[in-house]
Amino acid sequence: MKASEIDQKFDENQEDVLDYFDTSKIKMLNETPKRVNIDFPAWMVESLDKEAKHIGVSRQAIIKMWLAEKLQQLSTQS
């Protein structure tokens, strides 16, 4: 499949485009995972799920992306 076709599927939210990628060997560099449990209000979970579905990722992935973006912003401000 061409990249342009995957882009179109992503843009039109036709399906989860991650199915077209081999994610079995993805590793976080210099990162050892540590489990953290967080309780969110129901409205926040619903909003996270809606946005995650819109961009074709899991709830966990969108939380990680947004936290990473915010932490990166904060680190460049100091």
PDB file of N, CA and C in Angstrom:
ATOM      1  N   MET A   1       0.838  -1.166   0.000  1.00  0.00           N
ATOM      2  CA  MET A   1       0.000   0.000   0.000  1.00  0.00           C
ATOM      3  C   MET A   1       0.891   1.240   0.000  1.00  0.00           C
ATOM      4  N   LYS A   2       0.505   2.230  -0.758  1.00  0.00           N
ATOM      5  CA  LYS A   2       1.275   3.468  -0.844  1.00  0.00           C
ATOM      6  C   LYS A   2       1.023   4.339   0.389  1.00  0.00           C
ATOM      7  N   ALA A   3       2.027   5.140   0.703  1.00  0.00           N
ATOM      8  CA  ALA A   3       1.909   6.039   1.851  1.00  0.00           C
ATOM      9  C   ALA A   3       0.727   6.990   1.678  1.00  0.00           C
ATOM     10  N   SER A   4       0.489   7.426   0.460  1.00  0.00           N
ATOM     11  CA  SER A   4      -0.630   8.340   0.218  1.00  0.00           C
ATOM     12  C   SER A   4      -1.972   7.683   0.538  1.00  0.00           C
ATOM     13  N   GLU A   5      -2.074   6.368   0.309  1.00  0.00           N
ATOM     14  CA  GLU A   5      -3.306   5.651   0.632  1.00  0.00           C
ATOM     15  C   GLU A   5      -3.492   5.547   2.151  1.00  0.00           C
ATOM     16  N   ILE A   6      -2.390   5.307   2.851  1.00  0.00           N
ATOM     17  CA  ILE A   6      -2.463   5.264   4.318  1.00  0.00           C
ATOM     18  C   ILE A   6      -2.827   6.642   4.845  1.00  0.00           C
ATOM     19  N   ASP A   7      -2.220   7.692   4.289  1.00  0.00           N
ATOM     20  CA  ASP A   7      -2.555   9.063   4.693  1.00  0.00           C
ATOM     21  C   ASP A   7      -4.040   9.337   4.518  1.00  0.00           C
ATOM     22  N   GLN A   8      -4.582   8.908   3.389  1.00  0.00           N
ATOM     23  CA  GLN A   8      -5.996   9.139   3.108  1.00  0.00           C
ATOM     24  C   GLN A   8      -6.876   8.403   4.127  1.00  0.00           C
ATOM     25  N   LYS A   9      -6.533   7.160   4.414  1.00  0.00           N
ATOM     26  CA  LYS A   9      -7.300   6.394   5.399  1.00  0.00           C
ATOM     27  C   LYS A   9      -7.241   7.073   6.767  1.00  0.00           C
ATOM     28  N   PHE A  10      -6.059   7.564   7.124  1.00  0.00           N
ATOM     29  CA  PHE A  10      -5.886   8.253   8.404  1.00  0.00           C
ATOM     30  C   PHE A  10      -6.713   9.536   8.424  1.00  0.00           C
ATOM     31  N   ASP A  11      -6.584  10.339   7.363  1.00  0.00           N
ATOM     32  CA  ASP A  11      -7.288  11.621   7.303  1.00  0.00           C
ATOM     33  C   ASP A  11      -8.800  11.454   7.328  1.00  0.00           C
ATOM     34  N   GLU A  12      -9.278  10.385   6.692  1.00  0.00           N
ATOM     35  CA  GLU A  12     -10.715  10.154   6.625  1.00  0.00           C
ATOM     36  C   GLU A  12     -11.216   9.283   7.781  1.00  0.00           C
ATOM     37  N   ASN A  13     -10.306   8.906   8.675  1.00  0.00           N
ATOM     38  CA  ASN A  13     -10.637   8.091   9.843  1.00  0.00           C
ATOM     39  C   ASN A  13     -11.395   6.821   9.448  1.00  0.00           C
ATOM     40  N   GLN A  14     -10.947   6.200   8.362  1.00  0.00           N
ATOM     41  CA  GLN A  14     -11.600   4.995   7.861  1.00  0.00           C
ATOM     42  C   GLN A  14     -11.284   3.772   8.719  1.00  0.00           C
ATOM     43  N   GLU A  15     -10.070   3.715   9.234  1.00  0.00           N
ATOM     44  CA  GLU A  15      -9.662   2.566  10.028  1.00  0.00           C
ATOM     45  C   GLU A  15      -8.400   2.915  10.804  1.00  0.00           C
ATOM     46  N   ASP A  16      -8.014   2.036  11.708  1.00  0.00           N
ATOM     47  CA  ASP A  16      -6.796   2.219  12.479  1.00  0.00           C
ATOM     48  C   ASP A  16      -5.602   1.926  11.580  1.00  0.00           C
ATOM     49  N   VAL A  17      -4.842   2.959  11.230  1.00  0.00           N
ATOM     50  CA  VAL A  17      -3.731   2.792  10.291  1.00  0.00           C
ATOM     51  C   VAL A  17      -2.531   2.090  10.919  1.00  0.00           C
ATOM     52  N   LEU A  18      -2.516   1.908  12.220  1.00  0.00           N
ATOM     53  CA  LEU A  18      -1.397   1.209  12.851  1.00  0.00           C
ATOM     54  C   LEU A  18      -1.310  -0.237  12.392  1.00  0.00           C
ATOM     55  N   ASP A  19      -2.426  -0.763  11.869  1.00  0.00           N
ATOM     56  CA  ASP A  19      -2.412  -2.130  11.360  1.00  0.00           C
ATOM     57  C   ASP A  19      -1.457  -2.290  10.176  1.00  0.00           C
ATOM     58  N   TYR A  20      -1.076  -1.197   9.556  1.00  0.00           N
ATOM     59  CA  TYR A  20      -0.183  -1.246   8.400  1.00  0.00           C
ATOM     60  C   TYR A  20       1.300  -1.157   8.785  1.00  0.00           C
ATOM     61  N   PHE A  21       1.577  -1.062  10.065  1.00  0.00           N
ATOM     62  CA  PHE A  21       2.949  -0.920  10.531  1.00  0.00           C
ATOM     63  C   PHE A  21       3.334  -2.085  11.440  1.00  0.00           C
ATOM     64  N   ASP A  22       4.592  -2.460  11.402  1.00  0.00           N
ATOM     65  CA  ASP A  22       5.095  -3.501  12.291  1.00  0.00           C
ATOM     66  C   ASP A  22       5.537  -2.832  13.592  1.00  0.00           C
ATOM     67  N   THR A  23       4.710  -2.949  14.599  1.00  0.00           N
ATOM     68  CA  THR A  23       5.008  -2.309  15.884  1.00  0.00           C
ATOM     69  C   THR A  23       5.601  -3.291  16.889  1.00  0.00           C
ATOM     70  N   SER A  24       5.902  -4.501  16.445  1.00  0.00           N
ATOM     71  CA  SER A  24       6.359  -5.548  17.365  1.00  0.00           C
ATOM     72  C   SER A  24       7.735  -5.272  17.960  1.00  0.00           C
ATOM     73  N   LYS A  25       8.522  -4.459  17.294  1.00  0.00           N
ATOM     74  CA  LYS A  25       9.883  -4.233  17.785  1.00  0.00           C
ATOM     75  C   LYS A  25      10.137  -2.796  18.231  1.00  0.00           C
ATOM     76  N   ILE A  26       9.068  -2.060  18.453  1.00  0.00           N
ATOM     77  CA  ILE A  26       9.215  -0.684  18.911  1.00  0.00           C
ATOM     78  C   ILE A  26       9.752  -0.689  20.333  1.00  0.00           C
ATOM     79  N   LYS A  27      10.772   0.101  20.562  1.00  0.00           N
ATOM     80  CA  LYS A  27      11.356   0.220  21.899  1.00  0.00           C
ATOM     81  C   LYS A  27      11.518   1.690  22.233  1.00  0.00           C
ATOM     82  N   MET A  28      11.282   2.003  23.469  1.00  0.00           N
ATOM     83  CA  MET A  28      11.518   3.355  23.951  1.00  0.00           C
ATOM     84  C   MET A  28      12.989   3.462  24.308  1.00  0.00           C
ATOM     85  N   LEU A  29      13.646   4.456  23.757  1.00  0.00           N
ATOM     86  CA  LEU A  29      15.053   4.643  24.058  1.00  0.00           C
ATOM     87  C   LEU A  29      15.215   5.244  25.445  1.00  0.00           C
ATOM     88  N   ASN A  30      16.138   4.703  26.194  1.00  0.00           N
ATOM     89  CA  ASN A  30      16.454   5.200  27.535  1.00  0.00           C
ATOM     90  C   ASN A  30      15.240   5.252  28.447  1.00  0.00           C
ATOM     91  N   GLU A  31      14.305   4.365  28.237  1.00  0.00           N
ATOM     92  CA  GLU A  31      13.091   4.365  29.042  1.00  0.00           C
ATOM     93  C   GLU A  31      12.819   2.970  29.588  1.00  0.00           C
ATOM     94  N   THR A  32      12.652   2.895  30.868  1.00  0.00           N
ATOM     95  CA  THR A  32      12.187   1.669  31.493  1.00  0.00           C
ATOM     96  C   THR A  32      10.748   1.941  31.911  1.00  0.00           C
ATOM     97  N   PRO A  33       9.793   1.182  31.388  1.00  0.00           N
ATOM     98  CA  PRO A  33       8.392   1.461  31.733  1.00  0.00           C
ATOM     99  C   PRO A  33       8.130   1.320  33.220  1.00  0.00           C
ATOM    100  N   LYS A  34       7.294   2.193  33.715  1.00  0.00           N
ATOM    101  CA  LYS A  34       6.862   2.131  35.110  1.00  0.00           C
ATOM    102  C   LYS A  34       5.354   2.336  35.115  1.00  0.00           C
ATOM    103  N   ARG A  35       4.644   1.404  35.685  1.00  0.00           N
ATOM    104  CA  ARG A  35       3.180   1.466  35.697  1.00  0.00           C
ATOM    105  C   ARG A  35       2.714   2.526  36.686  1.00  0.00           C
ATOM    106  N   VAL A  36       1.759   3.340  36.227  1.00  0.00           N
ATOM    107  CA  VAL A  36       1.153   4.377  37.054  1.00  0.00           C
ATOM    108  C   VAL A  36      -0.359   4.277  36.876  1.00  0.00           C
ATOM    109  N   ASN A  37      -1.080   4.258  37.962  1.00  0.00           N
ATOM    110  CA  ASN A  37      -2.544   4.231  37.891  1.00  0.00           C
ATOM    111  C   ASN A  37      -3.081   5.625  38.188  1.00  0.00           C
ATOM    112  N   ILE A  38      -3.946   6.097  37.321  1.00  0.00           N
ATOM    113  CA  ILE A  38      -4.533   7.426  37.477  1.00  0.00           C
ATOM    114  C   ILE A  38      -6.040   7.299  37.345  1.00  0.00           C
ATOM    115  N   ASP A  39      -6.764   7.927  38.246  1.00  0.00           N
ATOM    116  CA  ASP A  39      -8.220   7.971  38.155  1.00  0.00           C
ATOM    117  C   ASP A  39      -8.627   9.284  37.492  1.00  0.00           C
ATOM    118  N   PHE A  40      -9.446   9.181  36.429  1.00  0.00           N
ATOM    119  CA  PHE A  40      -9.961  10.346  35.724  1.00  0.00           C
ATOM    120  C   PHE A  40     -11.474  10.400  35.882  1.00  0.00           C
ATOM    121  N   PRO A  41     -12.045  11.595  35.867  1.00  0.00           N
ATOM    122  CA  PRO A  41     -13.504  11.677  35.841  1.00  0.00           C
ATOM    123  C   PRO A  41     -14.031  11.090  34.529  1.00  0.00           C
ATOM    124  N   ALA A  42     -15.262  10.591  34.551  1.00  0.00           N
ATOM    125  CA  ALA A  42     -15.845   9.929  33.377  1.00  0.00           C
ATOM    126  C   ALA A  42     -15.835  10.828  32.146  1.00  0.00           C
ATOM    127  N   TRP A  43     -16.136  12.135  32.324  1.00  0.00           N
ATOM    128  CA  TRP A  43     -16.178  13.028  31.165  1.00  0.00           C
ATOM    129  C   TRP A  43     -14.807  13.124  30.495  1.00  0.00           C
ATOM    130  N   MET A  44     -13.748  13.047  31.303  1.00  0.00           N
ATOM    131  CA  MET A  44     -12.401  13.146  30.761  1.00  0.00           C
ATOM    132  C   MET A  44     -12.044  11.881  29.975  1.00  0.00           C
ATOM    133  N   VAL A  45     -12.428  10.727  30.490  1.00  0.00           N
ATOM    134  CA  VAL A  45     -12.178   9.463  29.787  1.00  0.00           C
ATOM    135  C   VAL A  45     -12.920   9.459  28.454  1.00  0.00           C
ATOM    136  N   GLU A  46     -14.164   9.929  28.461  1.00  0.00           N
ATOM    137  CA  GLU A  46     -14.940   9.993  27.220  1.00  0.00           C
ATOM    138  C   GLU A  46     -14.274  10.905  26.204  1.00  0.00           C
ATOM    139  N   SER A  47     -13.776  12.043  26.662  1.00  0.00           N
ATOM    140  CA  SER A  47     -13.097  12.979  25.756  1.00  0.00           C
ATOM    141  C   SER A  47     -11.796  12.390  25.222  1.00  0.00           C
ATOM    142  N   LEU A  48     -11.056  11.718  26.095  1.00  0.00           N
ATOM    143  CA  LEU A  48      -9.818  11.067  25.661  1.00  0.00           C
ATOM    144  C   LEU A  48     -10.104   9.992  24.619  1.00  0.00           C
ATOM    145  N   ASP A  49     -11.119   9.187  24.870  1.00  0.00           N
ATOM    146  CA  ASP A  49     -11.482   8.125  23.935  1.00  0.00           C
ATOM    147  C   ASP A  49     -11.909   8.692  22.585  1.00  0.00           C
ATOM    148  N   LYS A  50     -12.674   9.759  22.615  1.00  0.00           N
ATOM    149  CA  LYS A  50     -13.139  10.383  21.368  1.00  0.00           C
ATOM    150  C   LYS A  50     -11.954  10.884  20.550  1.00  0.00           C
ATOM    151  N   GLU A  51     -11.036  11.582  21.202  1.00  0.00           N
ATOM    152  CA  GLU A  51      -9.875  12.122  20.493  1.00  0.00           C
ATOM    153  C   GLU A  51      -8.947  11.001  20.033  1.00  0.00           C
ATOM    154  N   ALA A  52      -8.751   9.986  20.859  1.00  0.00           N
ATOM    155  CA  ALA A  52      -7.902   8.849  20.484  1.00  0.00           C
ATOM    156  C   ALA A  52      -8.468   8.160  19.250  1.00  0.00           C
ATOM    157  N   LYS A  53      -9.770   7.951  19.225  1.00  0.00           N
ATOM    158  CA  LYS A  53     -10.402   7.317  18.063  1.00  0.00           C
ATOM    159  C   LYS A  53     -10.238   8.189  16.829  1.00  0.00           C
ATOM    160  N   HIS A  54     -10.375   9.485  17.012  1.00  0.00           N
ATOM    161  CA  HIS A  54     -10.259  10.422  15.891  1.00  0.00           C
ATOM    162  C   HIS A  54      -8.900  10.329  15.206  1.00  0.00           C
ATOM    163  N   ILE A  55      -7.843  10.182  15.998  1.00  0.00           N
ATOM    164  CA  ILE A  55      -6.507  10.115  15.386  1.00  0.00           C
ATOM    165  C   ILE A  55      -6.008   8.684  15.225  1.00  0.00           C
ATOM    166  N   GLY A  56      -6.807   7.712  15.649  1.00  0.00           N
ATOM    167  CA  GLY A  56      -6.476   6.310  15.404  1.00  0.00           C
ATOM    168  C   GLY A  56      -5.445   5.703  16.333  1.00  0.00           C
ATOM    169  N   VAL A  57      -5.483   6.112  17.602  1.00  0.00           N
ATOM    170  CA  VAL A  57      -4.566   5.543  18.590  1.00  0.00           C
ATOM    171  C   VAL A  57      -5.365   5.106  19.809  1.00  0.00           C
ATOM    172  N   SER A  58      -4.707   4.453  20.741  1.00  0.00           N
ATOM    173  CA  SER A  58      -5.368   4.022  21.975  1.00  0.00           C
ATOM    174  C   SER A  58      -5.441   5.177  22.977  1.00  0.00           C
ATOM    175  N   ARG A  59      -6.272   5.003  23.988  1.00  0.00           N
ATOM    176  CA  ARG A  59      -6.356   6.002  25.057  1.00  0.00           C
ATOM    177  C   ARG A  59      -4.993   6.196  25.722  1.00  0.00           C
ATOM    178  N   GLN A  60      -4.313   5.079  25.986  1.00  0.00           N
ATOM    179  CA  GLN A  60      -3.003   5.162  26.630  1.00  0.00           C
ATOM    180  C   GLN A  60      -2.021   5.946  25.760  1.00  0.00           C
ATOM    181  N   ALA A  61      -2.060   5.709  24.455  1.00  0.00           N
ATOM    182  CA  ALA A  61      -1.133   6.397  23.558  1.00  0.00           C
ATOM    183  C   ALA A  61      -1.367   7.905  23.548  1.00  0.00           C
ATOM    184  N   ILE A  62      -2.625   8.319  23.522  1.00  0.00           N
ATOM    185  CA  ILE A  62      -2.882   9.764  23.478  1.00  0.00           C
ATOM    186  C   ILE A  62      -2.481  10.434  24.787  1.00  0.00           C
ATOM    187  N   ILE A  63      -2.700   9.755  25.907  1.00  0.00           N
ATOM    188  CA  ILE A  63      -2.268  10.313  27.194  1.00  0.00           C
ATOM    189  C   ILE A  63      -0.750  10.473  27.205  1.00  0.00           C
ATOM    190  N   LYS A  64      -0.042   9.454  26.743  1.00  0.00           N
ATOM    191  CA  LYS A  64       1.422   9.529  26.699  1.00  0.00           C
ATOM    192  C   LYS A  64       1.898  10.637  25.771  1.00  0.00           C
ATOM    193  N   MET A  65       1.260  10.751  24.602  1.00  0.00           N
ATOM    194  CA  MET A  65       1.659  11.790  23.637  1.00  0.00           C
ATOM    195  C   MET A  65       1.473  13.174  24.235  1.00  0.00           C
ATOM    196  N   TRP A  66       0.298  13.417  24.815  1.00  0.00           N
ATOM    197  CA  TRP A  66       0.018  14.741  25.357  1.00  0.00           C
ATOM    198  C   TRP A  66       0.905  15.066  26.555  1.00  0.00           C
ATOM    199  N   LEU A  67       1.150  14.094  27.410  1.00  0.00           N
ATOM    200  CA  LEU A  67       2.052  14.348  28.540  1.00  0.00           C
ATOM    201  C   LEU A  67       3.477  14.629  28.066  1.00  0.00           C
ATOM    202  N   ALA A  68       3.930  13.856  27.080  1.00  0.00           N
ATOM    203  CA  ALA A  68       5.275  14.060  26.546  1.00  0.00           C
ATOM    204  C   ALA A  68       5.407  15.449  25.932  1.00  0.00           C
ATOM    205  N   GLU A  69       4.374  15.876  25.181  1.00  0.00           N
ATOM    206  CA  GLU A  69       4.403  17.214  24.579  1.00  0.00           C
ATOM    207  C   GLU A  69       4.489  18.294  25.647  1.00  0.00           C
ATOM    208  N   LYS A  70       3.677  18.165  26.680  1.00  0.00           N
ATOM    209  CA  LYS A  70       3.669  19.166  27.754  1.00  0.00           C
ATOM    210  C   LYS A  70       4.995  19.180  28.500  1.00  0.00           C
ATOM    211  N   LEU A  71       5.526  18.015  28.808  1.00  0.00           N
ATOM    212  CA  LEU A  71       6.807  17.952  29.519  1.00  0.00           C
ATOM    213  C   LEU A  71       7.946  18.519  28.662  1.00  0.00           C
ATOM    214  N   GLN A  72       7.870  18.287  27.363  1.00  0.00           N
ATOM    215  CA  GLN A  72       8.890  18.845  26.465  1.00  0.00           C
ATOM    216  C   GLN A  72       8.791  20.370  26.431  1.00  0.00           C
ATOM    217  N   GLN A  73       7.563  20.894  26.392  1.00  0.00           N
ATOM    218  CA  GLN A  73       7.363  22.347  26.420  1.00  0.00           C
ATOM    219  C   GLN A  73       7.948  22.942  27.697  1.00  0.00           C
ATOM    220  N   LEU A  74       7.672  22.279  28.814  1.00  0.00           N
ATOM    221  CA  LEU A  74       8.176  22.777  30.095  1.00  0.00           C
ATOM    222  C   LEU A  74       9.684  22.732  30.164  1.00  0.00           C
ATOM    223  N   SER A  75      10.291  21.696  29.588  1.00  0.00           N
ATOM    224  CA  SER A  75      11.746  21.577  29.647  1.00  0.00           C
ATOM    225  C   SER A  75      12.433  22.628  28.777  1.00  0.00           C
ATOM    226  N   THR A  76      11.785  23.067  27.714  1.00  0.00           N
ATOM    227  CA  THR A  76      12.397  24.092  26.864  1.00  0.00           C
ATOM    228  C   THR A  76      12.198  25.497  27.436  1.00  0.00           C
ATOM    229  N   GLN A  77      11.270  25.650  28.369  1.00  0.00           N
ATOM    230  CA  GLN A  77      11.039  26.945  29.005  1.00  0.00           C
ATOM    231  C   GLN A  77      12.039  27.241  30.111  1.00  0.00           C
ATOM    232  N   SER A  78      12.625  26.170  30.701  1.00  0.00           N
ATOM    233  CA  SER A  78      13.541  26.400  31.824  1.00  0.00           C
ATOM    234  C   SER A  78      14.939  26.665  31.397  1.00  0.00           C
TER     235      SER A  78
END
